[in-house]
């Protein structure tokens, strides 16, 4: 029975890890599209562009953080199942502060929040304009 749990947890780890890399690829695609827009625009960028970009980045960061949480929770169960069948070589991924993916997500979250704040200031929401 433990081998079945081990296999299921391992497949879950592979799925979540694949999702994590897909989120990083999506981040690169967003950055590339943004660079192309900024390169092709000769005037000022509209406030709504910053707002949409900020919302996209904040959403992406939350998804990345959730995936990281899922990987850590799954790793705990995978380690227990692995030890039950004699596999003692499972790495410890319980510390999110040691994960570069976590820090990328935190940076993206901060950047998204900054862009949303910039859009709100540009739109003049608080100045009545």
C-alpha atoms as a PDB file:
ATOM      1  CA  UNK A   1       0.000   0.000   0.000  1.00  0.00           C
ATOM      2  CA  UNK A   2       2.855   2.412   0.742  1.00  0.00           C
ATOM      3  CA  UNK A   3       4.271   1.986  -2.760  1.00  0.00           C
ATOM      4  CA  UNK A   4       0.956   3.155  -4.239  1.00  0.00           C
ATOM      5  CA  UNK A   5       0.931   6.257  -2.004  1.00  0.00           C
ATOM      6  CA  UNK A   6       4.577   6.894  -2.890  1.00  0.00           C
ATOM      7  CA  UNK A   7       3.784   6.688  -6.613  1.00  0.00           C
ATOM      8  CA  UNK A   8       0.790   9.013  -6.269  1.00  0.00           C
ATOM      9  CA  UNK A   9       2.765  11.590  -4.291  1.00  0.00           C
ATOM     10  CA  UNK A  10       5.651  11.401  -6.723  1.00  0.00           C
ATOM     11  CA  UNK A  11       3.311  12.006  -9.665  1.00  0.00           C
ATOM     12  CA  UNK A  12       1.763  14.933  -7.778  1.00  0.00           C
ATOM     13  CA  UNK A  13       5.239  16.366  -7.225  1.00  0.00           C
ATOM     14  CA  UNK A  14       6.051  16.046 -10.930  1.00  0.00           C
ATOM     15  CA  UNK A  15       2.755  17.735 -11.859  1.00  0.00           C
ATOM     16  CA  UNK A  16       3.279  20.646  -9.460  1.00  0.00           C
ATOM     17  CA  UNK A  17       6.889  21.071 -10.527  1.00  0.00           C
ATOM     18  CA  UNK A  18       5.766  21.191 -14.162  1.00  0.00           C
ATOM     19  CA  UNK A  19       3.190  23.855 -13.246  1.00  0.00           C
ATOM     20  CA  UNK A  20       5.863  25.866 -11.442  1.00  0.00           C
ATOM     21  CA  UNK A  21       8.034  25.922 -14.570  1.00  0.00           C
ATOM     22  CA  UNK A  22       5.030  26.836 -16.710  1.00  0.00           C
ATOM     23  CA  UNK A  23       4.362  29.850 -14.459  1.00  0.00           C
ATOM     24  CA  UNK A  24       7.966  30.973 -14.920  1.00  0.00           C
ATOM     25  CA  UNK A  25       7.539  30.596 -18.689  1.00  0.00           C
ATOM     26  CA  UNK A  26       4.351  32.652 -18.511  1.00  0.00           C
ATOM     27  CA  UNK A  27       6.250  35.315 -16.574  1.00  0.00           C
ATOM     28  CA  UNK A  28       8.895  35.460 -19.307  1.00  0.00           C
ATOM     29  CA  UNK A  29       6.147  35.733 -21.953  1.00  0.00           C
ATOM     30  CA  UNK A  30       4.517  38.636 -20.076  1.00  0.00           C
ATOM     31  CA  UNK A  31       7.877  40.392 -19.727  1.00  0.00           C
ATOM     32  CA  UNK A  32       8.616  39.906 -23.425  1.00  0.00           C
ATOM     33  CA  UNK A  33       5.194  41.210 -24.493  1.00  0.00           C
ATOM     34  CA  UNK A  34       5.601  44.211 -22.178  1.00  0.00           C
ATOM     35  CA  UNK A  35       9.034  44.973 -23.624  1.00  0.00           C
ATOM     36  CA  UNK A  36       7.623  44.825 -27.146  1.00  0.00           C
ATOM     37  CA  UNK A  37       4.780  47.184 -26.252  1.00  0.00           C
ATOM     38  CA  UNK A  38       7.146  49.631 -24.569  1.00  0.00           C
ATOM     39  CA  UNK A  39       9.554  49.455 -27.507  1.00  0.00           C
ATOM     40  CA  UNK A  40       6.857  50.130 -30.105  1.00  0.00           C
ATOM     41  CA  UNK A  41       5.198  52.979 -28.214  1.00  0.00           C
ATOM     42  CA  UNK A  42       6.579  56.447 -28.792  1.00  0.00           C
ATOM     43  CA  UNK A  43       4.310  58.310 -26.372  1.00  0.00           C
ATOM     44  CA  UNK A  44       3.378  57.834 -22.760  1.00  0.00           C
ATOM     45  CA  UNK A  45       1.953  54.539 -21.621  1.00  0.00           C
ATOM     46  CA  UNK A  46      -1.669  54.727 -20.505  1.00  0.00           C
ATOM     47  CA  UNK A  47      -2.548  54.075 -16.880  1.00  0.00           C
ATOM     48  CA  UNK A  48      -4.757  51.081 -17.778  1.00  0.00           C
ATOM     49  CA  UNK A  49      -1.747  49.267 -19.281  1.00  0.00           C
ATOM     50  CA  UNK A  50       0.059  49.479 -15.953  1.00  0.00           C
ATOM     51  CA  UNK A  51      -3.096  48.377 -14.158  1.00  0.00           C
ATOM     52  CA  UNK A  52      -3.594  45.312 -16.383  1.00  0.00           C
ATOM     53  CA  UNK A  53       0.074  44.388 -16.139  1.00  0.00           C
ATOM     54  CA  UNK A  54       0.016  44.785 -12.358  1.00  0.00           C
ATOM     55  CA  UNK A  55      -3.107  42.643 -12.000  1.00  0.00           C
ATOM     56  CA  UNK A  56      -1.569  39.951 -14.221  1.00  0.00           C
ATOM     57  CA  UNK A  57       1.642  39.929 -12.177  1.00  0.00           C
ATOM     58  CA  UNK A  58      -0.146  39.836  -8.812  1.00  0.00           C
ATOM     59  CA  UNK A  59      -2.325  36.960 -10.017  1.00  0.00           C
ATOM     60  CA  UNK A  60       0.699  35.098 -11.353  1.00  0.00           C
ATOM     61  CA  UNK A  61       2.575  35.624  -8.078  1.00  0.00           C
ATOM     62  CA  UNK A  62      -0.319  34.229  -6.025  1.00  0.00           C
ATOM     63  CA  UNK A  63      -0.487  31.171  -8.284  1.00  0.00           C
ATOM     64  CA  UNK A  64       3.277  30.675  -7.942  1.00  0.00           C
ATOM     65  CA  UNK A  65       3.058  30.926  -4.148  1.00  0.00           C
ATOM     66  CA  UNK A  66       0.167  28.429  -4.056  1.00  0.00           C
ATOM     67  CA  UNK A  67       2.081  25.970  -6.226  1.00  0.00           C
ATOM     68  CA  UNK A  68       5.105  26.296  -3.917  1.00  0.00           C
ATOM     69  CA  UNK A  69       2.878  25.627  -0.918  1.00  0.00           C
ATOM     70  CA  UNK A  70       1.454  22.564  -2.661  1.00  0.00           C
ATOM     71  CA  UNK A  71       4.930  21.270  -3.426  1.00  0.00           C
ATOM     72  CA  UNK A  72       6.011  21.659   0.215  1.00  0.00           C
ATOM     73  CA  UNK A  73       2.869  19.962   1.565  1.00  0.00           C
ATOM     74  CA  UNK A  74       3.180  17.133  -0.944  1.00  0.00           C
ATOM     75  CA  UNK A  75       6.888  16.713  -0.139  1.00  0.00           C
ATOM     76  CA  UNK A  76       6.067  16.065   3.523  1.00  0.00           C
ATOM     77  CA  UNK A  77       3.689  13.242   2.611  1.00  0.00           C
ATOM     78  CA  UNK A  78       6.097  11.962  -0.053  1.00  0.00           C
ATOM     79  CA  UNK A  79       8.921  11.795   2.494  1.00  0.00           C
ATOM     80  CA  UNK A  80       6.780   9.755   4.905  1.00  0.00           C
ATOM     81  CA  UNK A  81       5.743   7.353   2.125  1.00  0.00           C
ATOM     82  CA  UNK A  82       9.327   7.118   0.862  1.00  0.00           C
ATOM     83  CA  UNK A  83      10.684   6.260   4.305  1.00  0.00           C
ATOM     84  CA  UNK A  84       7.999   3.589   4.683  1.00  0.00           C
ATOM     85  CA  UNK A  85       9.362   1.773   1.623  1.00  0.00           C
ATOM     86  CA  UNK A  86      13.019   2.379   2.481  1.00  0.00           C
ATOM     87  CA  UNK A  87      13.843   5.415   0.312  1.00  0.00           C
ATOM     88  CA  UNK A  88      15.798   7.736   2.610  1.00  0.00           C
ATOM     89  CA  UNK A  89      17.147  10.013  -0.121  1.00  0.00           C
ATOM     90  CA  UNK A  90      14.272  12.482  -0.298  1.00  0.00           C
ATOM     91  CA  UNK A  91      15.454  16.112  -0.246  1.00  0.00           C
ATOM     92  CA  UNK A  92      14.085  18.506   2.352  1.00  0.00           C
ATOM     93  CA  UNK A  93      12.013  21.215   0.629  1.00  0.00           C
ATOM     94  CA  UNK A  94      10.120  22.338   3.706  1.00  0.00           C
ATOM     95  CA  UNK A  95      11.848  25.727   3.989  1.00  0.00           C
ATOM     96  CA  UNK A  96      10.237  28.127   1.499  1.00  0.00           C
ATOM     97  CA  UNK A  97      12.858  30.797   2.254  1.00  0.00           C
ATOM     98  CA  UNK A  98      15.525  28.671   0.564  1.00  0.00           C
ATOM     99  CA  UNK A  99      13.546  28.376  -2.675  1.00  0.00           C
ATOM    100  CA  UNK A 100      14.429  30.703  -5.539  1.00  0.00           C
ATOM    101  CA  UNK A 101      10.927  30.166  -6.957  1.00  0.00           C
ATOM    102  CA  UNK A 102       9.513  31.608  -3.725  1.00  0.00           C
ATOM    103  CA  UNK A 103      11.679  34.732  -3.999  1.00  0.00           C
ATOM    104  CA  UNK A 104      10.778  35.179  -7.661  1.00  0.00           C
ATOM    105  CA  UNK A 105       7.093  35.030  -6.683  1.00  0.00           C
ATOM    106  CA  UNK A 106       7.639  37.572  -3.889  1.00  0.00           C
ATOM    107  CA  UNK A 107       9.444  39.913  -6.307  1.00  0.00           C
ATOM    108  CA  UNK A 108       6.683  39.531  -8.922  1.00  0.00           C
ATOM    109  CA  UNK A 109       4.056  40.233  -6.246  1.00  0.00           C
ATOM    110  CA  UNK A 110       5.877  43.405  -5.194  1.00  0.00           C
ATOM    111  CA  UNK A 111       6.311  44.537  -8.794  1.00  0.00           C
ATOM    112  CA  UNK A 112       2.640  43.901  -9.530  1.00  0.00           C
ATOM    113  CA  UNK A 113       1.578  45.891  -6.466  1.00  0.00           C
ATOM    114  CA  UNK A 114       3.911  48.735  -7.509  1.00  0.00           C
ATOM    115  CA  UNK A 115       2.400  48.810 -11.013  1.00  0.00           C
ATOM    116  CA  UNK A 116      -1.138  48.841  -9.653  1.00  0.00           C
ATOM    117  CA  UNK A 117      -0.199  51.721  -7.359  1.00  0.00           C
ATOM    118  CA  UNK A 118       1.408  53.565 -10.263  1.00  0.00           C
ATOM    119  CA  UNK A 119      -1.722  53.079 -12.375  1.00  0.00           C
ATOM    120  CA  UNK A 120      -3.928  54.411  -9.605  1.00  0.00           C
ATOM    121  CA  UNK A 121      -1.728  57.490  -9.235  1.00  0.00           C
ATOM    122  CA  UNK A 122      -1.633  58.037 -12.994  1.00  0.00           C
ATOM    123  CA  UNK A 123      -5.397  57.750 -13.274  1.00  0.00           C
ATOM    124  CA  UNK A 124      -5.772  60.408 -10.624  1.00  0.00           C
ATOM    125  CA  UNK A 125      -8.204  58.339  -8.590  1.00  0.00           C
ATOM    126  CA  UNK A 126      -7.312  60.104  -5.341  1.00  0.00           C
ATOM    127  CA  UNK A 127      -6.983  63.598  -6.816  1.00  0.00           C
ATOM    128  CA  UNK A 128     -10.525  63.684  -8.157  1.00  0.00           C
ATOM    129  CA  UNK A 129      -9.426  63.754 -11.790  1.00  0.00           C
END
